[in-house]
C-alpha atoms as a PDB file:
ATOM      1  CA  MET A   1     106.103 -82.518 105.848  1.00  0.00           C
ATOM      2  CA  LYS A   2     103.773 -80.634 104.240  1.00  0.00           C
ATOM      3  CA  SER A   3     101.765 -82.464 100.846  1.00  0.00           C
ATOM      4  CA  LYS A   4     102.822 -79.721  98.688  1.00  0.00           C
ATOM      5  CA  GLY A   5     106.292 -79.669  99.310  1.00  0.00           C
ATOM      6  CA  LEU A   6     106.523 -83.491  99.633  1.00  0.00           C
ATOM      7  CA  ARG A   7     105.214 -82.830  96.514  1.00  0.00           C
ATOM      8  CA  TRP A   8     107.423 -80.331  94.707  1.00  0.00           C
ATOM      9  CA  LEU A   9     110.456 -82.536  96.282  1.00  0.00           C
ATOM     10  CA  ILE A  10     109.109 -85.935  94.500  1.00  0.00           C
ATOM     11  CA  GLY A  11     108.921 -83.519  91.358  1.00  0.00           C
ATOM     12  CA  LEU A  12     112.846 -82.139  91.837  1.00  0.00           C
ATOM     13  CA  PHE A  13     114.007 -85.475  92.132  1.00  0.00           C
ATOM     14  CA  PHE A  14     111.662 -86.430  89.152  1.00  0.00           C
ATOM     15  CA  VAL A  15     113.531 -83.829  86.850  1.00  0.00           C
ATOM     16  CA  GLY A  16     117.135 -84.312  88.394  1.00  0.00           C
ATOM     17  CA  TYR A  17     116.546 -87.959  87.811  1.00  0.00           C
ATOM     18  CA  THR A  18     114.864 -88.124  84.350  1.00  0.00           C
ATOM     19  CA  CYS A  19     118.166 -85.603  83.461  1.00  0.00           C
ATOM     20  CA  CYS A  20     120.241 -88.183  84.507  1.00  0.00           C
ATOM     21  CA  LEU A  21     119.298 -91.408  82.975  1.00  0.00           C
ATOM     22  CA  LEU A  22     118.981 -89.277  79.641  1.00  0.00           C
ATOM     23  CA  TYR A  23     122.597 -88.263  80.573  1.00  0.00           C
ATOM     24  CA  TRP A  24     123.888 -92.046  81.603  1.00  0.00           C
ATOM     25  CA  MET A  25     122.150 -93.013  77.539  1.00  0.00           C
ATOM     26  CA  PHE A  26     123.547 -90.552  75.485  1.00  0.00           C
ATOM     27  CA  ILE A  27     126.655 -89.380  76.954  1.00  0.00           C
ATOM     28  CA  GLY A  28     127.898 -90.846  80.008  1.00  0.00           C
ATOM     29  CA  PHE A  29     129.622 -94.584  80.199  1.00  0.00           C
ATOM     30  CA  GLY A  30     131.887 -93.768  77.447  1.00  0.00           C
ATOM     31  CA  ARG A  31     129.394 -92.877  74.955  1.00  0.00           C
ATOM     32  CA  GLY A  32     130.943 -90.909  71.480  1.00  0.00           C
ATOM     33  CA  ILE A  33     128.431 -90.499  68.331  1.00  0.00           C
ATOM     34  CA  HIS A  34     130.043 -93.563  65.887  1.00  0.00           C
ATOM     35  CA  ARG A  35     129.817 -91.358  62.264  1.00  0.00           C
ATOM     36  CA  ASP A  36     131.148 -94.904  60.741  1.00  0.00           C
ATOM     37  CA  ALA A  37     128.701 -97.169  62.854  1.00  0.00           C
ATOM     38  CA  SER A  38     125.783 -98.884  61.176  1.00  0.00           C
ATOM     39  CA  PHE A  39     122.319 -98.327  62.732  1.00  0.00           C
ATOM     40  CA  SER A  40     122.542-100.909  65.707  1.00  0.00           C
ATOM     41  CA  TYR A  41     119.075-103.099  66.894  1.00  0.00           C
ATOM     42  CA  ASN A  42     117.104-105.690  67.817  1.00  0.00           C
ATOM     43  CA  LEU A  43     113.372-105.975  67.459  1.00  0.00           C
ATOM     44  CA  ILE A  44     113.165-109.621  68.033  1.00  0.00           C
ATOM     45  CA  PRO A  45     112.147-109.800  71.965  1.00  0.00           C
ATOM     46  CA  LEU A  46     114.032-111.541  74.434  1.00  0.00           C
ATOM     47  CA  ARG A  47     117.351-112.100  72.231  1.00  0.00           C
ATOM     48  CA  THR A  48     119.456-110.325  74.872  1.00  0.00           C
ATOM     49  CA  ILE A  49     117.797-111.508  77.651  1.00  0.00           C
ATOM     50  CA  GLY A  50     118.320-115.085  76.532  1.00  0.00           C
ATOM     51  CA  LEU A  51     121.150-114.157  75.159  1.00  0.00           C
ATOM     52  CA  TYR A  52     123.323-112.802  78.851  1.00  0.00           C
ATOM     53  CA  LEU A  53     120.417-115.841  80.893  1.00  0.00           C
ATOM     54  CA  PHE A  54     121.753-119.253  78.777  1.00  0.00           C
ATOM     55  CA  HIS A  55     125.209-117.615  78.192  1.00  0.00           C
ATOM     56  CA  MET A  56     126.602-115.770  81.363  1.00  0.00           C
ATOM     57  CA  ASP A  57     129.589-117.780  80.824  1.00  0.00           C
ATOM     58  CA  ALA A  58     130.976-115.695  77.555  1.00  0.00           C
ATOM     59  CA  PHE A  59     130.302-112.411  79.656  1.00  0.00           C
ATOM     60  CA  PRO A  60     132.403-110.791  82.437  1.00  0.00           C
ATOM     61  CA  TRP A  61     129.466-111.410  85.345  1.00  0.00           C
ATOM     62  CA  ARG A  62     129.306-107.255  85.583  1.00  0.00           C
ATOM     63  CA  VAL A  63     128.293-106.723  82.075  1.00  0.00           C
ATOM     64  CA  TRP A  64     125.071-109.352  82.532  1.00  0.00           C
ATOM     65  CA  VAL A  65     124.144-108.007  86.038  1.00  0.00           C
ATOM     66  CA  ILE A  66     124.634-104.368  84.974  1.00  0.00           C
ATOM     67  CA  ASN A  67     122.272-105.669  81.148  1.00  0.00           C
ATOM     68  CA  LEU A  68     119.392-107.114  83.206  1.00  0.00           C
ATOM     69  CA  PHE A  69     119.695-105.816  86.711  1.00  0.00           C
ATOM     70  CA  GLY A  70     120.014-102.239  85.743  1.00  0.00           C
ATOM     71  CA  ASN A  71     118.483-101.875  83.440  1.00  0.00           C
ATOM     72  CA  MET A  72     115.132-102.826  85.321  1.00  0.00           C
ATOM     73  CA  GLY A  73     116.149-100.948  88.857  1.00  0.00           C
ATOM     74  CA  VAL A  74     117.423 -97.666  87.220  1.00  0.00           C
ATOM     75  CA  PHE A  75     113.580 -96.983  85.643  1.00  0.00           C
ATOM     76  CA  MET A  76     112.039 -98.287  88.874  1.00  0.00           C
ATOM     77  CA  PRO A  77     111.797 -94.444  90.572  1.00  0.00           C
ATOM     78  CA  PHE A  78     109.118 -93.568  87.833  1.00  0.00           C
ATOM     79  CA  GLY A  79     106.778 -96.213  88.891  1.00  0.00           C
ATOM     80  CA  ILE A  80     106.496 -94.649  91.952  1.00  0.00           C
ATOM     81  CA  CYS A  81     106.931 -90.746  90.896  1.00  0.00           C
ATOM     82  CA  MET A  82     104.711 -90.974  88.037  1.00  0.00           C
ATOM     83  CA  PRO A  83     101.585 -91.860  89.644  1.00  0.00           C
ATOM     84  CA  TYR A  84     102.319 -89.769  92.829  1.00  0.00           C
ATOM     85  CA  LEU A  85     103.017 -86.775  90.466  1.00  0.00           C
ATOM     86  CA  PHE A  86     100.461 -87.489  87.471  1.00  0.00           C
ATOM     87  CA  ARG A  87      97.398 -88.261  89.137  1.00  0.00           C
ATOM     88  CA  PRO A  88      95.628 -90.288  85.946  1.00  0.00           C
ATOM     89  CA  ALA A  89      99.304 -92.002  85.813  1.00  0.00           C
ATOM     90  CA  ALA A  90      97.729 -93.966  88.831  1.00  0.00           C
ATOM     91  CA  ARG A  91      95.970 -96.085  86.275  1.00  0.00           C
ATOM     92  CA  TYR A  92      98.390 -98.817  85.013  1.00  0.00           C
ATOM     93  CA  LYS A  93      97.273 -98.268  81.219  1.00  0.00           C
ATOM     94  CA  ILE A  94      97.956 -94.666  81.405  1.00  0.00           C
ATOM     95  CA  PHE A  95     101.253 -94.900  83.383  1.00  0.00           C
ATOM     96  CA  ILE A  96     102.336 -97.539  80.921  1.00  0.00           C
ATOM     97  CA  LEU A  97     102.108 -94.897  77.889  1.00  0.00           C
ATOM     98  CA  LEU A  98     103.219 -92.128  79.940  1.00  0.00           C
ATOM     99  CA  PHE A  99     106.253 -94.363  80.289  1.00  0.00           C
ATOM    100  CA  GLY A 100     106.705 -96.489  77.583  1.00  0.00           C
ATOM    101  CA  CYS A 101     105.986 -94.141  74.762  1.00  0.00           C
ATOM    102  CA  PRO A 102     108.590 -91.147  75.319  1.00  0.00           C
ATOM    103  CA  LEU A 103     111.347 -94.536  76.463  1.00  0.00           C
ATOM    104  CA  VAL A 104     110.525 -95.980  72.613  1.00  0.00           C
ATOM    105  CA  GLY A 105     111.631 -92.134  71.369  1.00  0.00           C
ATOM    106  CA  LEU A 106     114.674 -92.328  73.712  1.00  0.00           C
ATOM    107  CA  GLU A 107     115.256 -95.711  72.023  1.00  0.00           C
ATOM    108  CA  GLY A 108     115.365 -94.954  68.968  1.00  0.00           C
ATOM    109  CA  LEU A 109     117.439 -91.601  68.691  1.00  0.00           C
ATOM    110  CA  GLN A 110     119.954 -93.721  70.610  1.00  0.00           C
ATOM    111  CA  MET A 111     120.355 -95.899  67.640  1.00  0.00           C
ATOM    112  CA  LEU A 112     119.698 -92.837  65.427  1.00  0.00           C
ATOM    113  CA  LEU A 113     122.907 -90.648  66.754  1.00  0.00           C
ATOM    114  CA  ARG A 114     124.496 -93.710  66.854  1.00  0.00           C
ATOM    115  CA  VAL A 115     125.420 -93.487  70.387  1.00  0.00           C
ATOM    116  CA  GLY A 116     123.399 -96.654  71.504  1.00  0.00           C
ATOM    117  CA  SER A 117     120.963 -99.478  69.906  1.00  0.00           C
ATOM    118  CA  PHE A 118     117.533 -99.609  69.522  1.00  0.00           C
ATOM    119  CA  ASP A 119     116.632-102.607  71.556  1.00  0.00           C
ATOM    120  CA  VAL A 120     113.856-103.876  72.544  1.00  0.00           C
ATOM    121  CA  ASP A 121     114.442-106.137  75.286  1.00  0.00           C
ATOM    122  CA  ASP A 122     115.833-102.685  76.958  1.00  0.00           C
ATOM    123  CA  LEU A 123     112.134-101.771  76.538  1.00  0.00           C
ATOM    124  CA  ILE A 124     110.856-105.084  78.155  1.00  0.00           C
ATOM    125  CA  LEU A 125     113.018-104.686  80.831  1.00  0.00           C
ATOM    126  CA  ASN A 126     113.286-100.910  81.777  1.00  0.00           C
ATOM    127  CA  GLY A 127     109.226-101.625  81.803  1.00  0.00           C
ATOM    128  CA  LEU A 128     109.770-104.646  84.135  1.00  0.00           C
ATOM    129  CA  GLY A 129     111.208-102.268  86.820  1.00  0.00           C
ATOM    130  CA  ALA A 130     108.715 -99.571  86.360  1.00  0.00           C
ATOM    131  CA  SER A 131     105.753-101.494  86.861  1.00  0.00           C
ATOM    132  CA  ALA A 132     107.294-103.659  89.428  1.00  0.00           C
ATOM    133  CA  ALA A 133     107.567-100.646  91.549  1.00  0.00           C
ATOM    134  CA  TYR A 134     104.395 -99.038  89.896  1.00  0.00           C
ATOM    135  CA  ALA A 135     102.356-102.217  91.702  1.00  0.00           C
ATOM    136  CA  PHE A 136     104.424-101.921  94.924  1.00  0.00           C
ATOM    137  CA  TYR A 137     103.170 -98.423  95.145  1.00  0.00           C
ATOM    138  CA  MET A 138     100.172 -98.645  94.021  1.00  0.00           C
ATOM    139  CA  HIS A 139      99.525-102.174  96.211  1.00  0.00           C
ATOM    140  CA  PHE A 140     100.829-101.386  99.267  1.00  0.00           C
ATOM    141  CA  PRO A 141      98.606 -98.069 101.094  1.00  0.00           C
ATOM    142  CA  THR A 142     101.135 -98.537 104.732  1.00  0.00           C
ATOM    143  CA  PHE A 143     104.232 -97.233 101.996  1.00  0.00           C
ATOM    144  CA  LYS A 144     102.031 -94.681 100.461  1.00  0.00           C
ATOM    145  CA  ARG A 145     101.074 -93.056 103.521  1.00  0.00           C
ATOM    146  CA  LYS A 146     104.555 -93.489 105.489  1.00  0.00           C
ATOM    147  CA  PHE A 147     107.458 -92.765 102.972  1.00  0.00           C
ATOM    148  CA  ILE A 148     105.513 -90.642 100.717  1.00  0.00           C
ATOM    149  CA  GLY A 149     102.332 -89.595 102.344  1.00  0.00           C
ATOM    150  CA  ALA A 150      99.793 -90.124 100.266  1.00  0.00           C
ATOM    151  CA  GLU A 151      96.143 -91.713 100.701  1.00  0.00           C
END
């Protein structure tokens, strides 16, 4: 596939995947606006992560697996798509700003709309997932040439 066509296809995937994540963050999984609920937030790093890691027996395995690994895994495509689609994002500092700033806003919006919480641990896990994929994409030229068509 020609580079322009591949770029368009990856861009289409990126937009569709982003829309899907927004749905999951604000509407999916039985979320609804809880007008009577107070704002829910965690500003202490590693509090939620530690709770799941050190008290696994207190939660069904699906809860901690989805929360720990799901929060990392679902953001991995951003670590590949963003530096491919947005040339400045090939620099890690730019990538993490372009990825992180909107994510902080979305976490805050979840809390303000009372459809979720603002959890700094979600930001940590999301960032770890995206950063791991970014590192893989940027440091394995064979992967970029064979599967993405980049140089």
